[in-house]
Structures are given as structure tokens and as C-alpha cells.
C-alpha atoms as a PDB file:
ATOM      1  CA  UNK A   1       9.835 -11.839  -6.114  1.00  0.00           C
ATOM      2  CA  UNK A   2       7.363 -14.740  -6.126  1.00  0.00           C
ATOM      3  CA  UNK A   3       8.501 -18.298  -5.413  1.00  0.00           C
ATOM      4  CA  UNK A   4       7.879 -20.086  -8.700  1.00  0.00           C
ATOM      5  CA  UNK A   5       8.186 -23.532  -7.080  1.00  0.00           C
ATOM      6  CA  UNK A   6       4.952 -23.029  -5.147  1.00  0.00           C
ATOM      7  CA  UNK A   7       1.372 -22.683  -6.333  1.00  0.00           C
ATOM      8  CA  UNK A   8       0.653 -19.295  -7.901  1.00  0.00           C
ATOM      9  CA  UNK A   9      -0.497 -16.893  -5.161  1.00  0.00           C
ATOM     10  CA  UNK A  10      -3.854 -15.168  -5.470  1.00  0.00           C
ATOM     11  CA  UNK A  11      -4.034 -11.563  -6.638  1.00  0.00           C
ATOM     12  CA  UNK A  12      -4.641 -10.423  -3.053  1.00  0.00           C
ATOM     13  CA  UNK A  13      -1.591 -12.372  -1.816  1.00  0.00           C
ATOM     14  CA  UNK A  14       0.546 -10.791  -4.545  1.00  0.00           C
ATOM     15  CA  UNK A  15      -0.664  -7.365  -3.402  1.00  0.00           C
ATOM     16  CA  UNK A  16       0.240  -8.206   0.208  1.00  0.00           C
ATOM     17  CA  UNK A  17       3.736  -9.291  -0.829  1.00  0.00           C
ATOM     18  CA  UNK A  18       4.312  -5.943  -2.559  1.00  0.00           C
ATOM     19  CA  UNK A  19       2.882  -3.911   0.323  1.00  0.00           C
ATOM     20  CA  UNK A  20       5.142  -5.710   2.797  1.00  0.00           C
ATOM     21  CA  UNK A  21       8.111  -4.404   0.780  1.00  0.00           C
ATOM     22  CA  UNK A  22       7.172  -0.724   1.133  1.00  0.00           C
ATOM     23  CA  UNK A  23       9.931   0.781   3.268  1.00  0.00           C
ATOM     24  CA  UNK A  24       9.218   2.422   6.611  1.00  0.00           C
ATOM     25  CA  UNK A  25       8.485   6.120   6.062  1.00  0.00           C
ATOM     26  CA  UNK A  26       7.390   5.644   2.446  1.00  0.00           C
ATOM     27  CA  UNK A  27       4.034   5.202   0.704  1.00  0.00           C
ATOM     28  CA  UNK A  28       2.746   3.974  -2.615  1.00  0.00           C
ATOM     29  CA  UNK A  29      -0.560   4.082  -4.454  1.00  0.00           C
ATOM     30  CA  UNK A  30      -3.144   1.475  -5.338  1.00  0.00           C
ATOM     31  CA  UNK A  31      -2.450   2.118  -9.018  1.00  0.00           C
ATOM     32  CA  UNK A  32       1.321   1.765  -8.660  1.00  0.00           C
ATOM     33  CA  UNK A  33       0.844  -1.661  -7.100  1.00  0.00           C
ATOM     34  CA  UNK A  34      -1.601  -2.688  -9.837  1.00  0.00           C
ATOM     35  CA  UNK A  35       0.834  -1.486 -12.502  1.00  0.00           C
ATOM     36  CA  UNK A  36       3.713  -3.420 -10.941  1.00  0.00           C
ATOM     37  CA  UNK A  37       1.600  -6.588 -10.892  1.00  0.00           C
ATOM     38  CA  UNK A  38       0.844  -6.165 -14.593  1.00  0.00           C
ATOM     39  CA  UNK A  39      -2.817  -5.389 -14.010  1.00  0.00           C
ATOM     40  CA  UNK A  40      -2.902  -1.686 -14.780  1.00  0.00           C
ATOM     41  CA  UNK A  41      -6.432  -0.433 -14.242  1.00  0.00           C
ATOM     42  CA  UNK A  42      -7.089  -2.696 -11.264  1.00  0.00           C
ATOM     43  CA  UNK A  43      -6.325  -0.134  -8.544  1.00  0.00           C
ATOM     44  CA  UNK A  44      -9.764  -0.711  -7.061  1.00  0.00           C
ATOM     45  CA  UNK A  45      -8.979  -4.424  -6.657  1.00  0.00           C
ATOM     46  CA  UNK A  46      -5.809  -3.443  -4.795  1.00  0.00           C
ATOM     47  CA  UNK A  47      -8.016  -1.348  -2.513  1.00  0.00           C
ATOM     48  CA  UNK A  48     -10.268  -4.325  -1.872  1.00  0.00           C
ATOM     49  CA  UNK A  49      -7.192  -6.363  -0.986  1.00  0.00           C
ATOM     50  CA  UNK A  50      -6.147  -3.671   1.481  1.00  0.00           C
ATOM     51  CA  UNK A  51      -9.608  -3.810   3.079  1.00  0.00           C
ATOM     52  CA  UNK A  52      -9.075  -7.531   3.731  1.00  0.00           C
ATOM     53  CA  UNK A  53      -5.472  -7.237   4.931  1.00  0.00           C
ATOM     54  CA  UNK A  54      -5.838  -6.240   8.569  1.00  0.00           C
ATOM     55  CA  UNK A  55      -5.701  -9.777   9.994  1.00  0.00           C
ATOM     56  CA  UNK A  56      -3.045 -11.219   7.678  1.00  0.00           C
ATOM     57  CA  UNK A  57       0.201 -12.694   8.948  1.00  0.00           C
ATOM     58  CA  UNK A  58       2.820 -11.564   8.548  1.00  0.00           C
ATOM     59  CA  UNK A  59       1.226  -8.132   8.985  1.00  0.00           C
ATOM     60  CA  UNK A  60       0.502  -5.982   5.929  1.00  0.00           C
ATOM     61  CA  UNK A  61       1.321  -2.263   6.418  1.00  0.00           C
ATOM     62  CA  UNK A  62      -1.854  -1.163   4.620  1.00  0.00           C
ATOM     63  CA  UNK A  63      -1.501   2.363   6.009  1.00  0.00           C
ATOM     64  CA  UNK A  64       1.307   2.904   3.487  1.00  0.00           C
ATOM     65  CA  UNK A  65      -1.068   2.588   0.517  1.00  0.00           C
ATOM     66  CA  UNK A  66      -2.945   5.728  -0.551  1.00  0.00           C
ATOM     67  CA  UNK A  67      -4.573   7.037  -3.701  1.00  0.00           C
ATOM     68  CA  UNK A  68      -2.621   8.541  -6.605  1.00  0.00           C
ATOM     69  CA  UNK A  69      -2.942  12.044  -5.141  1.00  0.00           C
ATOM     70  CA  UNK A  70      -1.727  11.065  -1.676  1.00  0.00           C
ATOM     71  CA  UNK A  71      -5.187  11.065  -0.107  1.00  0.00           C
ATOM     72  CA  UNK A  72      -5.896   8.683   2.779  1.00  0.00           C
ATOM     73  CA  UNK A  73      -8.901   7.168   1.022  1.00  0.00           C
ATOM     74  CA  UNK A  74      -8.620   3.901   2.963  1.00  0.00           C
ATOM     75  CA  UNK A  75      -8.677   5.515   6.409  1.00  0.00           C
ATOM     76  CA  UNK A  76     -12.231   4.401   7.168  1.00  0.00           C
ATOM     77  CA  UNK A  77     -11.139   0.766   7.029  1.00  0.00           C
ATOM     78  CA  UNK A  78      -8.845   1.174  10.040  1.00  0.00           C
ATOM     79  CA  UNK A  79      -9.923   0.934  13.657  1.00  0.00           C
ATOM     80  CA  UNK A  80     -10.380   4.319  15.289  1.00  0.00           C
ATOM     81  CA  UNK A  81     -10.975   7.588  13.522  1.00  0.00           C
ATOM     82  CA  UNK A  82      -7.392   8.524  12.691  1.00  0.00           C
ATOM     83  CA  UNK A  83      -5.325   5.336  12.982  1.00  0.00           C
ATOM     84  CA  UNK A  84      -4.068   5.429   9.388  1.00  0.00           C
ATOM     85  CA  UNK A  85      -2.938   9.038   9.784  1.00  0.00           C
ATOM     86  CA  UNK A  86      -1.361   8.319  13.171  1.00  0.00           C
ATOM     87  CA  UNK A  87       0.596   5.369  11.764  1.00  0.00           C
ATOM     88  CA  UNK A  88       1.898   7.467   8.872  1.00  0.00           C
ATOM     89  CA  UNK A  89       2.852  10.333  11.194  1.00  0.00           C
ATOM     90  CA  UNK A  90       4.681   7.885  13.476  1.00  0.00           C
ATOM     91  CA  UNK A  91       6.859   7.076  10.443  1.00  0.00           C
ATOM     92  CA  UNK A  92       7.649  10.755   9.853  1.00  0.00           C
ATOM     93  CA  UNK A  93       5.152  11.310   7.048  1.00  0.00           C
ATOM     94  CA  UNK A  94       3.381  14.647   7.243  1.00  0.00           C
ATOM     95  CA  UNK A  95      -0.388  14.555   6.770  1.00  0.00           C
ATOM     96  CA  UNK A  96      -2.816  17.445   6.653  1.00  0.00           C
ATOM     97  CA  UNK A  97      -6.529  17.288   5.946  1.00  0.00           C
ATOM     98  CA  UNK A  98      -6.305  13.562   5.032  1.00  0.00           C
ATOM     99  CA  UNK A  99      -3.590  14.185   2.439  1.00  0.00           C
ATOM    100  CA  UNK A 100       0.127  13.486   2.511  1.00  0.00           C
ATOM    101  CA  UNK A 101       2.130  16.700   2.309  1.00  0.00           C
ATOM    102  CA  UNK A 102       4.941  16.486  -0.274  1.00  0.00           C
ATOM    103  CA  UNK A 103       3.559  13.187  -1.541  1.00  0.00           C
ATOM    104  CA  UNK A 104       6.288  12.911  -4.213  1.00  0.00           C
ATOM    105  CA  UNK A 105       8.956  12.966  -1.482  1.00  0.00           C
ATOM    106  CA  UNK A 106       7.502   9.864   0.194  1.00  0.00           C
ATOM    107  CA  UNK A 107       6.268   8.020  -2.894  1.00  0.00           C
ATOM    108  CA  UNK A 108       7.762   4.564  -3.471  1.00  0.00           C
ATOM    109  CA  UNK A 109       7.200   3.058  -6.920  1.00  0.00           C
ATOM    110  CA  UNK A 110       7.408  -0.748  -6.837  1.00  0.00           C
ATOM    111  CA  UNK A 111       8.022  -0.866 -10.601  1.00  0.00           C
ATOM    112  CA  UNK A 112      11.259   1.051 -10.074  1.00  0.00           C
ATOM    113  CA  UNK A 113      12.272  -0.298  -6.680  1.00  0.00           C
ATOM    114  CA  UNK A 114      11.603  -4.057  -6.796  1.00  0.00           C
ATOM    115  CA  UNK A 115      14.048  -6.147  -8.745  1.00  0.00           C
ATOM    116  CA  UNK A 116      12.598  -9.559  -9.629  1.00  0.00           C
END
């Protein structure tokens, strides 16, 4: 997935590359991204990367990253009160009370979906 001819990207840039691969209408978790990157236990660092992602180009669909239970824990880092939820709903993902309904149905695991 990463171009080995270039300088090694930072952890945050690696996170952004993975998040950009999440398909429309799907979500993943901070921990699943950390696990894919070989840094199991660094889910919080993935969250920090998401907090810094809103001005990156190409855009990073940070709204597709939630906690391991499907909760919209990052919603306060989006403009407006419900932007994260609105973006997910616009992709057909059902959300109630800040939690994705049928989370397993929408969950995308990069460790199983990305082929290096």
C-alpha cells in the first residue's frame, strides 16, 4: 500500500492513507486501523490523527472512523453539532443516539480488506 521508493510516511499519514480506502457507506474503528498498521494498542493515536485530518488533501473521510462499539466519539471534532452523523446518514448508515445501528453490517476491517 505504501510507496517504498519514497521517504517513510509519518504515522498520521499512514492513518490517512488507510482512512481514504474506507469504502463509501462503510466504517471502521480506531483500533482496527491501529491493528492494520501493526501498532495494536495505539487506537488513541489514530484518534489524534483524525482530529488533525480535516484540512488534509486529498480529503480524509474521518467521519467513517468510530470507536469499537460504533459510537461517534469523534463527533465533537467536526464543525456543527451533528455533521459526523449527517455525513454517515448521507451514505446510508443508520445512526441513533450517537451510535451506528447494526455496526457489524457496516464495519470494514482494513486487515481483511487491504491487500498490500
